[in-house]
Amino acid sequence: MWQRTIAKPIEIRGRGLHTGKSARVIIHPAEPNSGILFRRIDAEPSLFIEASFENIFSSQRRTSLGKNDVVICTVEHLLAALYGMRISNALIEVEGEEIPALDGSSAPFVSLIKAAGLVEQEEKANVVNLKGNIWVKNGEAHILALPYPKLKITYLIDFNHSYASEQIASFVIDEDVFGKEIAPARTFGFEHEVEDLLRNGCALGGSLENAILITNDGPATPLRFEDELVRHKILDLIGDLSLLGSFINCHIIAIKASHSLHLELVKKIAHQTFRRCKAL
């Protein structure tokens, strides 16, 4: 498998899901072995932030990266699109605090990547093949990673809600499956959480245009898939897995997990594979 970048720059504008602030993103092609790099072009100093588990700033309700007090919020949907489309190298310039939410899924990013075109590069892609089992847990939340020749994700959610209970989905992830079955799944939230989220500075840009709102009577907008919620959790996990800095082959079984547990798994995989990650 060869490294890939995009054929030409992509520009994206929109509001952030959590900050509600406008942002502009330009994704540039990058040389082989560059990896995925972010740069806040409106910040001083305008430094590079590698898409790496070592630069995780926050994992509460979203995944945010930071370095030297420069932060870029809610990177997971864009990173999932890049990973799902097998992009190894890209420079992502960001003007604003948060990646635009667009429709709350990865599908718009995938469409823009396809429209820009893909370029195969003359360097082999980095692929991690898991050597042994890895298990992380936090209360009722568990993630188990097992050796497997491809990337397979099995995810179970149960929010103890009549319209969001015991959804389970399992996919072997490749470019086609990601684009059709995972990328369109939108982020979601519950009506009873809205006041607390807003009070804590989250979901300030949320709307029915970029999220599924689950009310006591069910989803406030039509679903794209009957199990769209668990598919979006798989999307989030793929975005978080990309912070390993390599593609990975394994079977991940996640039960009632979260961004923070996803990222704990990434750190454990890195520790097993690279022996260079920060203390867990």
C-alpha atoms as a PDB file:
ATOM      1  CA  MET A   1       0.000   0.000   0.000  1.00  0.00           C
ATOM      2  CA  TRP A   2       1.421   3.350  -1.084  1.00  0.00           C
ATOM      3  CA  GLN A   3       1.193   6.742   0.589  1.00  0.00           C
ATOM      4  CA  ARG A   4      -1.348   9.204  -0.771  1.00  0.00           C
ATOM      5  CA  THR A   5      -2.036  12.909  -0.775  1.00  0.00           C
ATOM      6  CA  ILE A   6      -4.629  15.085  -2.503  1.00  0.00           C
ATOM      7  CA  ALA A   7      -4.101  16.411  -6.015  1.00  0.00           C
ATOM      8  CA  LYS A   8      -5.001  20.050  -5.277  1.00  0.00           C
ATOM      9  CA  PRO A   9      -5.977  22.241  -2.297  1.00  0.00           C
ATOM     10  CA  ILE A  10      -9.431  22.074  -0.740  1.00  0.00           C
ATOM     11  CA  GLU A  11     -11.080  25.049   1.001  1.00  0.00           C
ATOM     12  CA  ILE A  12     -13.828  24.625   3.600  1.00  0.00           C
ATOM     13  CA  ARG A  13     -15.781  27.281   5.503  1.00  0.00           C
ATOM     14  CA  GLY A  14     -18.379  26.886   8.224  1.00  0.00           C
ATOM     15  CA  ARG A  15     -19.233  27.081  11.914  1.00  0.00           C
ATOM     16  CA  GLY A  16     -17.813  24.898  14.636  1.00  0.00           C
ATOM     17  CA  LEU A  17     -20.212  22.504  16.355  1.00  0.00           C
ATOM     18  CA  HIS A  18     -19.084  23.379  19.890  1.00  0.00           C
ATOM     19  CA  THR A  19     -17.709  26.936  19.709  1.00  0.00           C
ATOM     20  CA  GLY A  20     -20.306  28.145  17.209  1.00  0.00           C
ATOM     21  CA  LYS A  21     -17.577  30.291  15.659  1.00  0.00           C
ATOM     22  CA  SER A  22     -16.845  30.603  11.961  1.00  0.00           C
ATOM     23  CA  ALA A  23     -13.697  28.957  10.640  1.00  0.00           C
ATOM     24  CA  ARG A  24     -11.871  28.459   7.382  1.00  0.00           C
ATOM     25  CA  VAL A  25      -9.836  25.366   6.519  1.00  0.00           C
ATOM     26  CA  ILE A  26      -7.508  24.802   3.565  1.00  0.00           C
ATOM     27  CA  ILE A  27      -6.188  21.277   3.024  1.00  0.00           C
ATOM     28  CA  HIS A  28      -2.993  21.242   0.955  1.00  0.00           C
ATOM     29  CA  PRO A  29      -1.140  18.362  -0.717  1.00  0.00           C
ATOM     30  CA  ALA A  30       2.001  17.328   1.178  1.00  0.00           C
ATOM     31  CA  GLU A  31       5.225  15.503   0.403  1.00  0.00           C
ATOM     32  CA  PRO A  32       5.702  11.809   1.235  1.00  0.00           C
ATOM     33  CA  ASN A  33       6.381  11.048   4.901  1.00  0.00           C
ATOM     34  CA  SER A  34       4.984  14.426   5.986  1.00  0.00           C
ATOM     35  CA  GLY A  35       2.025  12.876   7.792  1.00  0.00           C
ATOM     36  CA  ILE A  36      -1.070  14.896   8.641  1.00  0.00           C
ATOM     37  CA  LEU A  37      -0.126  18.342   9.927  1.00  0.00           C
ATOM     38  CA  PHE A  38      -2.343  21.148  11.215  1.00  0.00           C
ATOM     39  CA  ARG A  39      -1.387  24.814  11.332  1.00  0.00           C
ATOM     40  CA  ARG A  40      -3.397  27.613  12.959  1.00  0.00           C
ATOM     41  CA  ILE A  41      -2.691  30.432  10.510  1.00  0.00           C
ATOM     42  CA  ASP A  42      -4.500  32.980  12.697  1.00  0.00           C
ATOM     43  CA  ALA A  43      -2.426  32.202  15.802  1.00  0.00           C
ATOM     44  CA  GLU A  44       0.917  33.557  16.974  1.00  0.00           C
ATOM     45  CA  PRO A  45       3.192  31.765  16.599  1.00  0.00           C
ATOM     46  CA  SER A  46       1.803  29.949  13.572  1.00  0.00           C
ATOM     47  CA  LEU A  47       3.223  26.556  14.489  1.00  0.00           C
ATOM     48  CA  PHE A  48       2.666  23.047  13.159  1.00  0.00           C
ATOM     49  CA  ILE A  49       0.607  20.586  15.210  1.00  0.00           C
ATOM     50  CA  GLU A  50       1.052  16.969  14.176  1.00  0.00           C
ATOM     51  CA  ALA A  51      -2.102  14.841  14.107  1.00  0.00           C
ATOM     52  CA  SER A  52      -0.720  12.652  16.885  1.00  0.00           C
ATOM     53  CA  PHE A  53      -1.855  11.170  20.190  1.00  0.00           C
ATOM     54  CA  GLU A  54       1.080  13.085  21.682  1.00  0.00           C
ATOM     55  CA  ASN A  55      -0.693  16.386  20.928  1.00  0.00           C
ATOM     56  CA  ILE A  56      -4.108  15.584  22.424  1.00  0.00           C
ATOM     57  CA  PHE A  57      -5.399  18.666  24.229  1.00  0.00           C
ATOM     58  CA  SER A  58      -8.873  17.455  25.196  1.00  0.00           C
ATOM     59  CA  SER A  59     -11.113  14.433  24.679  1.00  0.00           C
ATOM     60  CA  GLN A  60     -14.289  15.681  26.372  1.00  0.00           C
ATOM     61  CA  ARG A  61     -17.210  15.370  23.920  1.00  0.00           C
ATOM     62  CA  ARG A  62     -14.735  15.896  21.045  1.00  0.00           C
ATOM     63  CA  THR A  63     -11.075  15.402  20.149  1.00  0.00           C
ATOM     64  CA  SER A  64      -8.921  18.522  20.187  1.00  0.00           C
ATOM     65  CA  LEU A  65      -5.216  18.919  19.453  1.00  0.00           C
ATOM     66  CA  GLY A  66      -2.875  21.517  20.842  1.00  0.00           C
ATOM     67  CA  LYS A  67       0.693  22.641  21.261  1.00  0.00           C
ATOM     68  CA  ASN A  68       2.105  25.603  23.205  1.00  0.00           C
ATOM     69  CA  ASP A  69      -1.410  26.935  24.006  1.00  0.00           C
ATOM     70  CA  VAL A  70      -2.474  26.819  20.340  1.00  0.00           C
ATOM     71  CA  VAL A  71      -5.537  24.574  20.035  1.00  0.00           C
ATOM     72  CA  ILE A  72      -7.631  23.172  17.179  1.00  0.00           C
ATOM     73  CA  CYS A  73     -10.935  21.663  18.298  1.00  0.00           C
ATOM     74  CA  THR A  74     -13.112  18.845  16.979  1.00  0.00           C
ATOM     75  CA  VAL A  75     -10.695  17.332  14.482  1.00  0.00           C
ATOM     76  CA  GLU A  76     -12.161  13.819  14.470  1.00  0.00           C
ATOM     77  CA  HIS A  77     -14.630  14.057  11.548  1.00  0.00           C
ATOM     78  CA  LEU A  78     -12.022  15.520   9.196  1.00  0.00           C
ATOM     79  CA  LEU A  79      -9.367  13.047  10.356  1.00  0.00           C
ATOM     80  CA  ALA A  80     -11.795  10.162   9.855  1.00  0.00           C
ATOM     81  CA  ALA A  81     -12.351  11.289   6.257  1.00  0.00           C
ATOM     82  CA  LEU A  82      -8.610  11.452   5.598  1.00  0.00           C
ATOM     83  CA  TYR A  83      -8.029   8.030   7.155  1.00  0.00           C
ATOM     84  CA  GLY A  84     -11.037   6.507   5.410  1.00  0.00           C
ATOM     85  CA  MET A  85      -9.810   7.823   2.043  1.00  0.00           C
ATOM     86  CA  ARG A  86      -6.321   6.551   2.865  1.00  0.00           C
ATOM     87  CA  ILE A  87      -4.646   9.955   2.833  1.00  0.00           C
ATOM     88  CA  SER A  88      -1.189   9.704   4.419  1.00  0.00           C
ATOM     89  CA  ASN A  89       0.067  13.248   3.888  1.00  0.00           C
ATOM     90  CA  ALA A  90      -1.684  16.612   4.068  1.00  0.00           C
ATOM     91  CA  LEU A  91      -1.141  20.095   5.490  1.00  0.00           C
ATOM     92  CA  ILE A  92      -4.316  21.493   7.039  1.00  0.00           C
ATOM     93  CA  GLU A  93      -4.313  25.258   7.568  1.00  0.00           C
ATOM     94  CA  VAL A  94      -6.982  26.447   9.983  1.00  0.00           C
ATOM     95  CA  GLU A  95      -8.218  29.987  10.518  1.00  0.00           C
ATOM     96  CA  GLY A  96     -10.334  29.698  13.659  1.00  0.00           C
ATOM     97  CA  GLU A  97     -10.596  27.584  16.784  1.00  0.00           C
ATOM     98  CA  GLU A  98     -12.578  24.631  15.488  1.00  0.00           C
ATOM     99  CA  ILE A  99     -12.975  22.552  12.340  1.00  0.00           C
ATOM    100  CA  PRO A 100     -16.332  23.404  10.680  1.00  0.00           C
ATOM    101  CA  ALA A 101     -19.122  20.965  11.524  1.00  0.00           C
ATOM    102  CA  LEU A 102     -20.694  21.068   8.038  1.00  0.00           C
ATOM    103  CA  ASP A 103     -23.515  18.484   8.285  1.00  0.00           C
ATOM    104  CA  GLY A 104     -22.100  16.755  11.385  1.00  0.00           C
ATOM    105  CA  SER A 105     -20.621  13.833   9.457  1.00  0.00           C
ATOM    106  CA  SER A 106     -17.530  13.075   7.362  1.00  0.00           C
ATOM    107  CA  ALA A 107     -19.446  12.879   4.079  1.00  0.00           C
ATOM    108  CA  PRO A 108     -18.830  16.494   2.943  1.00  0.00           C
ATOM    109  CA  PHE A 109     -15.099  16.073   3.557  1.00  0.00           C
ATOM    110  CA  VAL A 110     -15.076  12.822   1.582  1.00  0.00           C
ATOM    111  CA  SER A 111     -16.885  14.496  -1.336  1.00  0.00           C
ATOM    112  CA  LEU A 112     -14.373  17.345  -1.390  1.00  0.00           C
ATOM    113  CA  ILE A 113     -11.423  14.927  -1.250  1.00  0.00           C
ATOM    114  CA  LYS A 114     -12.836  12.930  -4.159  1.00  0.00           C
ATOM    115  CA  ALA A 115     -13.423  16.105  -6.166  1.00  0.00           C
ATOM    116  CA  ALA A 116      -9.845  17.265  -5.533  1.00  0.00           C
ATOM    117  CA  GLY A 117      -8.443  13.908  -6.633  1.00  0.00           C
ATOM    118  CA  LEU A 118      -5.929  11.556  -5.066  1.00  0.00           C
ATOM    119  CA  VAL A 119      -2.235  11.152  -5.830  1.00  0.00           C
ATOM    120  CA  GLU A 120      -0.324   7.936  -5.149  1.00  0.00           C
ATOM    121  CA  GLN A 121       3.171   8.679  -3.839  1.00  0.00           C
ATOM    122  CA  GLU A 122       6.314   6.623  -4.282  1.00  0.00           C
ATOM    123  CA  GLU A 123       6.690   5.669  -0.642  1.00  0.00           C
ATOM    124  CA  LYS A 124       5.046   2.792   1.172  1.00  0.00           C
ATOM    125  CA  ALA A 125       2.368   3.680   3.705  1.00  0.00           C
ATOM    126  CA  ASN A 126       3.024   2.937   7.364  1.00  0.00           C
ATOM    127  CA  VAL A 127       0.793   0.071   8.485  1.00  0.00           C
ATOM    128  CA  VAL A 128       0.719  -1.367  12.006  1.00  0.00           C
ATOM    129  CA  ASN A 129      -0.223  -5.020  12.413  1.00  0.00           C
ATOM    130  CA  LEU A 130      -1.243  -5.634  15.992  1.00  0.00           C
ATOM    131  CA  LYS A 131       0.943  -8.311  17.634  1.00  0.00           C
ATOM    132  CA  GLY A 132      -1.195  -9.089  20.672  1.00  0.00           C
ATOM    133  CA  ASN A 133      -4.477  -8.301  22.371  1.00  0.00           C
ATOM    134  CA  ILE A 134      -5.050  -4.895  23.979  1.00  0.00           C
ATOM    135  CA  TRP A 135      -7.864  -4.087  26.401  1.00  0.00           C
ATOM    136  CA  VAL A 136      -8.828  -0.733  27.896  1.00  0.00           C
ATOM    137  CA  LYS A 137     -11.795  -0.052  30.142  1.00  0.00           C
ATOM    138  CA  ASN A 138     -13.490   2.569  32.263  1.00  0.00           C
ATOM    139  CA  GLY A 139     -16.449   1.351  34.293  1.00  0.00           C
ATOM    140  CA  GLU A 140     -18.961  -0.197  31.889  1.00  0.00           C
ATOM    141  CA  ALA A 141     -17.014   1.053  28.850  1.00  0.00           C
ATOM    142  CA  HIS A 142     -14.575  -1.373  27.214  1.00  0.00           C
ATOM    143  CA  ILE A 143     -12.475  -1.584  24.068  1.00  0.00           C
ATOM    144  CA  LEU A 144     -10.679  -4.739  22.992  1.00  0.00           C
ATOM    145  CA  ALA A 145      -8.253  -4.779  20.050  1.00  0.00           C
ATOM    146  CA  LEU A 146      -7.306  -8.144  18.548  1.00  0.00           C
ATOM    147  CA  PRO A 147      -4.884  -9.092  15.747  1.00  0.00           C
ATOM    148  CA  TYR A 148      -6.686  -9.207  12.389  1.00  0.00           C
ATOM    149  CA  PRO A 149      -5.451  -8.890   8.775  1.00  0.00           C
ATOM    150  CA  LYS A 150      -7.585  -5.799   8.050  1.00  0.00           C
ATOM    151  CA  LEU A 151      -9.253  -3.035  10.067  1.00  0.00           C
ATOM    152  CA  LYS A 152     -12.516  -4.365  11.440  1.00  0.00           C
ATOM    153  CA  ILE A 153     -14.614  -2.410  13.928  1.00  0.00           C
ATOM    154  CA  THR A 154     -17.472  -3.800  15.992  1.00  0.00           C
ATOM    155  CA  TYR A 155     -19.203  -1.198  18.159  1.00  0.00           C
ATOM    156  CA  LEU A 156     -22.043  -1.429  20.672  1.00  0.00           C
ATOM    157  CA  ILE A 157     -23.850   1.508  22.260  1.00  0.00           C
ATOM    158  CA  ASP A 158     -26.572   1.628  24.897  1.00  0.00           C
ATOM    159  CA  PHE A 159     -27.708   5.040  26.138  1.00  0.00           C
ATOM    160  CA  ASN A 160     -30.611   3.703  28.222  1.00  0.00           C
ATOM    161  CA  HIS A 161     -33.020   5.614  26.002  1.00  0.00           C
ATOM    162  CA  SER A 162     -35.967   4.127  24.137  1.00  0.00           C
ATOM    163  CA  TYR A 163     -34.692   5.539  20.834  1.00  0.00           C
ATOM    164  CA  ALA A 164     -30.970   4.968  21.423  1.00  0.00           C
ATOM    165  CA  SER A 165     -30.470   1.643  23.113  1.00  0.00           C
ATOM    166  CA  GLU A 166     -28.464  -1.447  22.212  1.00  0.00           C
ATOM    167  CA  GLN A 167     -27.343  -0.550  18.717  1.00  0.00           C
ATOM    168  CA  ILE A 168     -24.534  -2.723  17.373  1.00  0.00           C
ATOM    169  CA  ALA A 169     -22.729  -2.555  14.041  1.00  0.00           C
ATOM    170  CA  SER A 170     -19.688  -4.279  12.568  1.00  0.00           C
ATOM    171  CA  PHE A 171     -17.729  -3.381   9.428  1.00  0.00           C
ATOM    172  CA  VAL A 172     -14.459  -4.275   7.779  1.00  0.00           C
ATOM    173  CA  ILE A 173     -13.254  -0.795   6.892  1.00  0.00           C
ATOM    174  CA  ASP A 174     -11.983   0.004   3.425  1.00  0.00           C
ATOM    175  CA  GLU A 175     -12.327   3.077   1.246  1.00  0.00           C
ATOM    176  CA  ASP A 176     -15.648   2.013  -0.257  1.00  0.00           C
ATOM    177  CA  VAL A 177     -17.237   0.877   3.007  1.00  0.00           C
ATOM    178  CA  PHE A 178     -16.127   4.027   4.781  1.00  0.00           C
ATOM    179  CA  GLY A 179     -17.503   6.330   2.088  1.00  0.00           C
ATOM    180  CA  LYS A 180     -20.883   4.604   1.797  1.00  0.00           C
ATOM    181  CA  GLU A 181     -21.593   3.153   5.228  1.00  0.00           C
ATOM    182  CA  ILE A 182     -19.730   5.269   7.792  1.00  0.00           C
ATOM    183  CA  ALA A 183     -18.943   8.758   6.469  1.00  0.00           C
ATOM    184  CA  PRO A 184     -22.610   9.892   6.157  1.00  0.00           C
ATOM    185  CA  ALA A 185     -23.421   9.103   9.817  1.00  0.00           C
ATOM    186  CA  ARG A 186     -23.981  12.332  11.757  1.00  0.00           C
ATOM    187  CA  THR A 187     -23.099  13.339  15.288  1.00  0.00           C
ATOM    188  CA  PHE A 188     -25.933  13.261  17.794  1.00  0.00           C
ATOM    189  CA  GLY A 189     -27.085  14.486  21.179  1.00  0.00           C
ATOM    190  CA  PHE A 190     -29.994  14.154  23.559  1.00  0.00           C
ATOM    191  CA  GLU A 191     -32.557  16.846  24.256  1.00  0.00           C
ATOM    192  CA  HIS A 192     -32.208  16.422  28.017  1.00  0.00           C
ATOM    193  CA  GLU A 193     -28.463  17.194  27.757  1.00  0.00           C
ATOM    194  CA  VAL A 194     -28.746  20.448  25.812  1.00  0.00           C
ATOM    195  CA  GLU A 195     -28.888  22.875  28.750  1.00  0.00           C
ATOM    196  CA  ASP A 196     -25.874  21.304  30.455  1.00  0.00           C
ATOM    197  CA  LEU A 197     -23.916  21.218  27.198  1.00  0.00           C
ATOM    198  CA  LEU A 198     -24.548  24.912  26.534  1.00  0.00           C
ATOM    199  CA  ARG A 199     -23.723  25.802  30.145  1.00  0.00           C
ATOM    200  CA  ASN A 200     -20.377  24.041  29.731  1.00  0.00           C
ATOM    201  CA  GLY A 201     -19.552  25.767  26.448  1.00  0.00           C
ATOM    202  CA  CYS A 202     -20.397  22.803  24.222  1.00  0.00           C
ATOM    203  CA  ALA A 203     -22.755  22.531  21.226  1.00  0.00           C
ATOM    204  CA  LEU A 204     -22.926  26.324  20.861  1.00  0.00           C
ATOM    205  CA  GLY A 205     -23.037  25.838  17.080  1.00  0.00           C
ATOM    206  CA  GLY A 206     -25.296  22.805  17.152  1.00  0.00           C
ATOM    207  CA  SER A 207     -28.474  22.715  15.082  1.00  0.00           C
ATOM    208  CA  LEU A 208     -30.709  20.281  13.251  1.00  0.00           C
ATOM    209  CA  GLU A 209     -28.529  21.020  10.205  1.00  0.00           C
ATOM    210  CA  ASN A 210     -25.405  19.483  11.746  1.00  0.00           C
ATOM    211  CA  ALA A 211     -26.563  17.022  14.406  1.00  0.00           C
ATOM    212  CA  ILE A 212     -29.255  14.486  15.207  1.00  0.00           C
ATOM    213  CA  LEU A 213     -31.272  15.612  18.227  1.00  0.00           C
ATOM    214  CA  ILE A 214     -32.811  12.718  20.129  1.00  0.00           C
ATOM    215  CA  THR A 215     -35.995  13.790  21.936  1.00  0.00           C
ATOM    216  CA  ASN A 216     -38.332  11.765  24.132  1.00  0.00           C
ATOM    217  CA  ASP A 217     -40.404  11.203  20.984  1.00  0.00           C
ATOM    218  CA  GLY A 218     -37.454  10.067  18.874  1.00  0.00           C
ATOM    219  CA  PRO A 219     -35.027  11.708  16.410  1.00  0.00           C
ATOM    220  CA  ALA A 220     -36.010  15.283  15.485  1.00  0.00           C
ATOM    221  CA  THR A 221     -34.817  14.733  11.902  1.00  0.00           C
ATOM    222  CA  PRO A 222     -35.011  11.681   9.605  1.00  0.00           C
ATOM    223  CA  LEU A 223     -32.157   9.213  10.031  1.00  0.00           C
ATOM    224  CA  ARG A 224     -29.825   8.273   7.178  1.00  0.00           C
ATOM    225  CA  PHE A 225     -29.435   4.760   8.616  1.00  0.00           C
ATOM    226  CA  GLU A 226     -31.576   2.932  11.152  1.00  0.00           C
ATOM    227  CA  ASP A 227     -28.419   2.522  13.245  1.00  0.00           C
ATOM    228  CA  GLU A 228     -26.894   5.908  12.406  1.00  0.00           C
ATOM    229  CA  LEU A 229     -25.872   6.603  15.991  1.00  0.00           C
ATOM    230  CA  VAL A 230     -23.581   3.593  16.352  1.00  0.00           C
ATOM    231  CA  ARG A 231     -22.192   4.194  12.868  1.00  0.00           C
ATOM    232  CA  HIS A 232     -21.211   7.690  13.956  1.00  0.00           C
ATOM    233  CA  LYS A 233     -19.403   6.212  16.955  1.00  0.00           C
ATOM    234  CA  ILE A 234     -17.422   4.077  14.500  1.00  0.00           C
ATOM    235  CA  LEU A 235     -16.653   7.254  12.530  1.00  0.00           C
ATOM    236  CA  ASP A 236     -15.387   8.971  15.685  1.00  0.00           C
ATOM    237  CA  LEU A 237     -13.241   5.945  16.524  1.00  0.00           C
ATOM    238  CA  ILE A 238     -11.655   5.987  13.062  1.00  0.00           C
ATOM    239  CA  GLY A 239     -10.840   9.682  13.443  1.00  0.00           C
ATOM    240  CA  ASP A 240      -9.242   9.006  16.824  1.00  0.00           C
ATOM    241  CA  LEU A 241      -7.346   5.965  15.502  1.00  0.00           C
ATOM    242  CA  SER A 242      -5.743   8.207  12.883  1.00  0.00           C
ATOM    243  CA  LEU A 243      -3.788   9.865  15.706  1.00  0.00           C
ATOM    244  CA  LEU A 244      -1.627   6.742  15.791  1.00  0.00           C
ATOM    245  CA  GLY A 245       0.074   8.258  12.726  1.00  0.00           C
ATOM    246  CA  SER A 246      -0.152   4.973  10.839  1.00  0.00           C
ATOM    247  CA  PHE A 247      -2.843   2.811   9.332  1.00  0.00           C
ATOM    248  CA  ILE A 248      -3.661  -0.216  11.455  1.00  0.00           C
ATOM    249  CA  ASN A 249      -4.872  -3.763  10.931  1.00  0.00           C
ATOM    250  CA  CYS A 250      -6.801  -5.219  13.867  1.00  0.00           C
ATOM    251  CA  HIS A 251     -10.298  -6.060  15.052  1.00  0.00           C
ATOM    252  CA  ILE A 252     -11.550  -3.457  17.520  1.00  0.00           C
ATOM    253  CA  ILE A 253     -14.545  -4.318  19.678  1.00  0.00           C
ATOM    254  CA  ALA A 254     -15.870  -1.225  21.486  1.00  0.00           C
ATOM    255  CA  ILE A 255     -18.655  -1.278  24.065  1.00  0.00           C
ATOM    256  CA  LYS A 256     -20.189   1.994  25.313  1.00  0.00           C
ATOM    257  CA  ALA A 257     -16.884   3.779  24.680  1.00  0.00           C
ATOM    258  CA  SER A 258     -15.984   7.469  24.289  1.00  0.00           C
ATOM    259  CA  HIS A 259     -13.305   9.711  22.783  1.00  0.00           C
ATOM    260  CA  SER A 260     -11.232   9.436  25.958  1.00  0.00           C
ATOM    261  CA  LEU A 261     -11.273   5.629  25.864  1.00  0.00           C
ATOM    262  CA  HIS A 262     -10.584   5.616  22.097  1.00  0.00           C
ATOM    263  CA  LEU A 263      -7.493   7.688  22.773  1.00  0.00           C
ATOM    264  CA  GLU A 264      -6.378   5.502  25.657  1.00  0.00           C
ATOM    265  CA  LEU A 265      -6.485   2.598  23.204  1.00  0.00           C
ATOM    266  CA  VAL A 266      -4.416   4.569  20.683  1.00  0.00           C
ATOM    267  CA  LYS A 267      -1.778   5.269  23.333  1.00  0.00           C
ATOM    268  CA  LYS A 268      -1.625   1.608  24.334  1.00  0.00           C
ATOM    269  CA  ILE A 269      -1.259   0.519  20.707  1.00  0.00           C
ATOM    270  CA  ALA A 270       1.520   3.075  20.271  1.00  0.00           C
ATOM    271  CA  HIS A 271       3.233   1.881  23.441  1.00  0.00           C
ATOM    272  CA  GLN A 272       3.117  -1.715  22.213  1.00  0.00           C
ATOM    273  CA  THR A 273       4.238  -0.793  18.709  1.00  0.00           C
ATOM    274  CA  PHE A 274       6.568   2.208  19.028  1.00  0.00           C
ATOM    275  CA  ARG A 275       7.540   2.244  22.729  1.00  0.00           C
ATOM    276  CA  ARG A 276       7.658   6.008  22.678  1.00  0.00           C
ATOM    277  CA  CYS A 277       4.326   7.345  23.873  1.00  0.00           C
ATOM    278  CA  LYS A 278       3.749   9.459  26.958  1.00  0.00           C
ATOM    279  CA  ALA A 279       2.818   7.768  30.201  1.00  0.00           C
ATOM    280  CA  LEU A 280      -0.745   6.464  30.175  1.00  0.00           C
END
